[in-house]
Amino acid sequence: VNITGHDYARYLKVKVELEAESPTVREELEQRLPQVRDGVIVLLSSRRLADVTDFEGKVMLKEAILERVNGMLESGDVRQVMFTEFVVQ
């Protein structure tokens, strides 16, 4: 996604893995993957460079993703959000 940084646009590439609390939640995540991806993309694109470059910002971003995804689910919750790739250019 594009994010704003120091008077010009920057690019953020993130790969996210979600830990589901049960197989039922995993199945729901797979069925609702387009909605989950859209929710995460909208969330990421609302951030500024300063919001995602330090440790605290990344932790807060994980919490925001967790809250956003769990708000979409009906069968349970995601336990954990993990970044397996995080690139800012």
N, C-alpha and C. Protein backbone atom coordinates (compact mmCIF):
# COMPACT_ATOMS: atom_id res chain seq x y z
N VAL A 1 0.84 -1.18 0.00
CA VAL A 1 0.00 0.00 0.00
C VAL A 1 0.88 1.24 0.00
N ASN A 2 0.29 2.36 -0.37
CA ASN A 2 0.98 3.64 -0.30
C ASN A 2 0.71 4.27 1.06
N ILE A 3 1.74 4.83 1.65
CA ILE A 3 1.61 5.57 2.90
C ILE A 3 2.31 6.91 2.72
N THR A 4 1.98 7.86 3.54
CA THR A 4 2.56 9.19 3.42
C THR A 4 3.77 9.32 4.33
N GLY A 5 4.84 9.86 3.76
CA GLY A 5 6.05 10.05 4.55
C GLY A 5 6.84 11.24 4.08
N HIS A 6 7.15 12.16 4.97
CA HIS A 6 8.02 13.30 4.70
C HIS A 6 7.72 13.97 3.35
N ASP A 7 6.50 14.39 3.16
CA ASP A 7 6.06 15.16 1.99
C ASP A 7 6.00 14.36 0.69
N TYR A 8 6.14 13.07 0.73
CA TYR A 8 5.97 12.27 -0.48
C TYR A 8 5.49 10.87 -0.11
N ALA A 9 4.93 10.20 -1.10
CA ALA A 9 4.36 8.87 -0.85
C ALA A 9 5.47 7.84 -0.70
N ARG A 10 5.24 6.92 0.20
CA ARG A 10 6.14 5.78 0.41
C ARG A 10 5.32 4.52 0.17
N TYR A 11 6.01 3.42 0.01
CA TYR A 11 5.38 2.14 -0.27
C TYR A 11 5.62 1.20 0.91
N LEU A 12 4.56 0.58 1.39
CA LEU A 12 4.65 -0.38 2.48
C LEU A 12 4.18 -1.73 1.98
N LYS A 13 5.03 -2.72 2.11
CA LYS A 13 4.69 -4.09 1.74
C LYS A 13 4.76 -4.94 3.01
N VAL A 14 3.64 -5.58 3.34
CA VAL A 14 3.55 -6.36 4.56
C VAL A 14 2.95 -7.71 4.24
N LYS A 15 3.56 -8.74 4.78
CA LYS A 15 2.96 -10.07 4.72
C LYS A 15 2.55 -10.41 6.15
N VAL A 16 1.29 -10.77 6.30
CA VAL A 16 0.71 -11.00 7.61
C VAL A 16 0.25 -12.45 7.72
N GLU A 17 0.56 -13.06 8.84
CA GLU A 17 0.05 -14.39 9.16
C GLU A 17 -0.85 -14.25 10.38
N LEU A 18 -1.97 -14.95 10.37
CA LEU A 18 -2.92 -14.88 11.47
C LEU A 18 -3.01 -16.24 12.15
N GLU A 19 -2.98 -16.23 13.48
CA GLU A 19 -3.13 -17.46 14.25
C GLU A 19 -4.58 -17.54 14.74
N ALA A 20 -5.32 -18.51 14.22
CA ALA A 20 -6.72 -18.69 14.58
C ALA A 20 -6.81 -19.52 15.85
N GLU A 21 -7.86 -19.25 16.65
CA GLU A 21 -8.01 -19.98 17.90
C GLU A 21 -8.60 -21.38 17.71
N SER A 22 -9.16 -21.66 16.52
CA SER A 22 -9.75 -22.97 16.28
C SER A 22 -9.82 -23.23 14.78
N PRO A 23 -10.01 -24.49 14.40
CA PRO A 23 -10.19 -24.81 12.98
C PRO A 23 -11.42 -24.12 12.38
N THR A 24 -12.43 -23.88 13.19
CA THR A 24 -13.64 -23.20 12.71
C THR A 24 -13.32 -21.77 12.31
N VAL A 25 -12.52 -21.10 13.12
CA VAL A 25 -12.11 -19.73 12.81
C VAL A 25 -11.25 -19.72 11.57
N ARG A 26 -10.38 -20.68 11.43
CA ARG A 26 -9.53 -20.76 10.24
C ARG A 26 -10.38 -20.91 8.98
N GLU A 27 -11.39 -21.76 9.05
CA GLU A 27 -12.28 -21.94 7.90
C GLU A 27 -13.01 -20.64 7.56
N GLU A 28 -13.48 -19.94 8.59
CA GLU A 28 -14.17 -18.67 8.33
C GLU A 28 -13.21 -17.65 7.72
N LEU A 29 -11.97 -17.60 8.21
CA LEU A 29 -10.98 -16.70 7.63
C LEU A 29 -10.76 -17.00 6.15
N GLU A 30 -10.65 -18.26 5.82
CA GLU A 30 -10.44 -18.64 4.43
C GLU A 30 -11.63 -18.25 3.56
N GLN A 31 -12.84 -18.41 4.09
CA GLN A 31 -14.05 -18.05 3.33
C GLN A 31 -14.20 -16.54 3.18
N ARG A 32 -13.73 -15.79 4.16
CA ARG A 32 -13.88 -14.34 4.14
C ARG A 32 -12.59 -13.62 3.78
N LEU A 33 -11.67 -14.32 3.15
CA LEU A 33 -10.36 -13.75 2.85
C LEU A 33 -10.43 -12.43 2.07
N PRO A 34 -11.29 -12.29 1.06
CA PRO A 34 -11.34 -10.99 0.38
C PRO A 34 -11.72 -9.84 1.32
N GLN A 35 -12.67 -10.06 2.22
CA GLN A 35 -13.06 -9.02 3.17
C GLN A 35 -11.94 -8.72 4.16
N VAL A 36 -11.26 -9.76 4.62
CA VAL A 36 -10.15 -9.59 5.56
C VAL A 36 -9.02 -8.80 4.90
N ARG A 37 -8.66 -9.18 3.69
CA ARG A 37 -7.59 -8.47 2.97
C ARG A 37 -7.96 -7.01 2.77
N ASP A 38 -9.19 -6.76 2.34
CA ASP A 38 -9.63 -5.39 2.13
C ASP A 38 -9.54 -4.59 3.43
N GLY A 39 -10.00 -5.15 4.52
CA GLY A 39 -9.95 -4.46 5.81
C GLY A 39 -8.53 -4.12 6.22
N VAL A 40 -7.61 -5.05 6.00
CA VAL A 40 -6.21 -4.81 6.35
C VAL A 40 -5.59 -3.76 5.42
N ILE A 41 -5.89 -3.82 4.14
CA ILE A 41 -5.35 -2.84 3.19
C ILE A 41 -5.84 -1.44 3.52
N VAL A 42 -7.12 -1.31 3.81
CA VAL A 42 -7.66 0.01 4.17
C VAL A 42 -6.99 0.53 5.44
N LEU A 43 -6.82 -0.34 6.41
CA LEU A 43 -6.15 0.05 7.66
C LEU A 43 -4.72 0.49 7.40
N LEU A 44 -3.97 -0.30 6.65
CA LEU A 44 -2.56 0.03 6.37
C LEU A 44 -2.44 1.34 5.60
N SER A 45 -3.30 1.54 4.62
CA SER A 45 -3.19 2.74 3.79
C SER A 45 -3.59 4.01 4.54
N SER A 46 -4.19 3.87 5.70
CA SER A 46 -4.55 5.04 6.51
C SER A 46 -3.39 5.49 7.40
N ARG A 47 -2.31 4.73 7.41
CA ARG A 47 -1.17 5.03 8.29
C ARG A 47 -0.16 5.94 7.60
N ARG A 48 0.62 6.63 8.43
CA ARG A 48 1.73 7.45 7.95
C ARG A 48 3.03 6.71 8.20
N LEU A 49 4.07 7.13 7.55
CA LEU A 49 5.38 6.50 7.71
C LEU A 49 5.80 6.47 9.17
N ALA A 50 5.60 7.55 9.88
CA ALA A 50 5.99 7.62 11.29
C ALA A 50 5.22 6.62 12.15
N ASP A 51 4.04 6.21 11.69
CA ASP A 51 3.22 5.26 12.45
C ASP A 51 3.73 3.83 12.38
N VAL A 52 4.57 3.52 11.41
CA VAL A 52 4.94 2.12 11.18
C VAL A 52 6.43 1.84 11.23
N THR A 53 7.26 2.84 11.49
CA THR A 53 8.70 2.60 11.38
C THR A 53 9.37 2.18 12.68
N ASP A 54 8.79 2.49 13.83
CA ASP A 54 9.45 2.07 15.06
C ASP A 54 8.74 0.86 15.67
N PHE A 55 9.34 0.30 16.70
CA PHE A 55 8.82 -0.90 17.35
C PHE A 55 7.40 -0.70 17.87
N GLU A 56 7.20 0.40 18.59
CA GLU A 56 5.88 0.66 19.16
C GLU A 56 4.81 0.79 18.08
N GLY A 57 5.17 1.41 16.97
CA GLY A 57 4.24 1.56 15.87
C GLY A 57 3.84 0.23 15.27
N LYS A 58 4.80 -0.66 15.16
CA LYS A 58 4.50 -2.00 14.63
C LYS A 58 3.60 -2.78 15.58
N VAL A 59 3.85 -2.66 16.88
CA VAL A 59 3.00 -3.33 17.87
C VAL A 59 1.58 -2.78 17.80
N MET A 60 1.45 -1.47 17.70
CA MET A 60 0.12 -0.86 17.60
C MET A 60 -0.58 -1.27 16.31
N LEU A 61 0.18 -1.41 15.24
CA LEU A 61 -0.39 -1.84 13.97
C LEU A 61 -0.90 -3.27 14.07
N LYS A 62 -0.14 -4.14 14.72
CA LYS A 62 -0.60 -5.52 14.93
C LYS A 62 -1.91 -5.53 15.72
N GLU A 63 -1.98 -4.72 16.76
CA GLU A 63 -3.19 -4.66 17.58
C GLU A 63 -4.38 -4.15 16.77
N ALA A 64 -4.14 -3.16 15.91
CA ALA A 64 -5.22 -2.63 15.08
C ALA A 64 -5.70 -3.66 14.07
N ILE A 65 -4.77 -4.42 13.49
CA ILE A 65 -5.15 -5.48 12.55
C ILE A 65 -5.95 -6.55 13.28
N LEU A 66 -5.49 -6.94 14.47
CA LEU A 66 -6.19 -7.95 15.27
C LEU A 66 -7.62 -7.50 15.57
N GLU A 67 -7.77 -6.27 15.99
CA GLU A 67 -9.10 -5.74 16.30
C GLU A 67 -9.98 -5.70 15.06
N ARG A 68 -9.42 -5.26 13.94
CA ARG A 68 -10.19 -5.17 12.69
C ARG A 68 -10.65 -6.54 12.24
N VAL A 69 -9.75 -7.52 12.22
CA VAL A 69 -10.10 -8.86 11.75
C VAL A 69 -11.09 -9.52 12.70
N ASN A 70 -10.85 -9.43 14.00
CA ASN A 70 -11.76 -10.05 14.96
C ASN A 70 -13.15 -9.43 14.89
N GLY A 71 -13.24 -8.17 14.52
CA GLY A 71 -14.54 -7.52 14.35
C GLY A 71 -15.34 -8.07 13.18
N MET A 72 -14.66 -8.76 12.26
CA MET A 72 -15.32 -9.34 11.09
C MET A 72 -15.79 -10.77 11.33
N LEU A 73 -15.22 -11.42 12.33
CA LEU A 73 -15.46 -12.85 12.53
C LEU A 73 -16.64 -13.12 13.43
N GLU A 74 -17.35 -14.21 13.13
CA GLU A 74 -18.50 -14.61 13.93
C GLU A 74 -18.25 -15.89 14.71
N SER A 75 -17.30 -16.71 14.26
CA SER A 75 -17.11 -18.04 14.86
C SER A 75 -16.05 -18.08 15.96
N GLY A 76 -15.40 -16.96 16.22
CA GLY A 76 -14.34 -16.92 17.22
C GLY A 76 -13.38 -15.80 16.91
N ASP A 77 -12.16 -15.93 17.38
CA ASP A 77 -11.18 -14.85 17.22
C ASP A 77 -9.85 -15.35 16.67
N VAL A 78 -9.11 -14.39 16.16
CA VAL A 78 -7.70 -14.59 15.83
C VAL A 78 -6.94 -14.31 17.11
N ARG A 79 -5.99 -15.17 17.44
CA ARG A 79 -5.19 -14.99 18.66
C ARG A 79 -4.05 -14.01 18.49
N GLN A 80 -3.42 -14.11 17.32
CA GLN A 80 -2.17 -13.35 17.14
C GLN A 80 -2.00 -12.95 15.68
N VAL A 81 -1.42 -11.77 15.49
CA VAL A 81 -1.03 -11.27 14.18
C VAL A 81 0.49 -11.26 14.15
N MET A 82 1.06 -11.85 13.08
CA MET A 82 2.52 -11.90 12.95
C MET A 82 2.93 -11.32 11.60
N PHE A 83 3.90 -10.44 11.60
CA PHE A 83 4.47 -9.93 10.36
C PHE A 83 5.58 -10.89 9.94
N THR A 84 5.44 -11.45 8.75
CA THR A 84 6.50 -12.31 8.22
C THR A 84 7.30 -11.61 7.14
N GLU A 85 6.83 -10.43 6.75
CA GLU A 85 7.57 -9.56 5.84
C GLU A 85 7.10 -8.14 6.11
N PHE A 86 8.04 -7.21 6.16
CA PHE A 86 7.69 -5.81 6.45
C PHE A 86 8.73 -4.94 5.75
N VAL A 87 8.33 -4.31 4.64
CA VAL A 87 9.26 -3.52 3.83
C VAL A 87 8.66 -2.14 3.60
N VAL A 88 9.45 -1.11 3.86
CA VAL A 88 9.07 0.27 3.56
C VAL A 88 10.07 0.81 2.57
N GLN A 89 9.57 1.36 1.47
CA GLN A 89 10.46 1.96 0.45
C GLN A 89 10.02 3.37 0.17
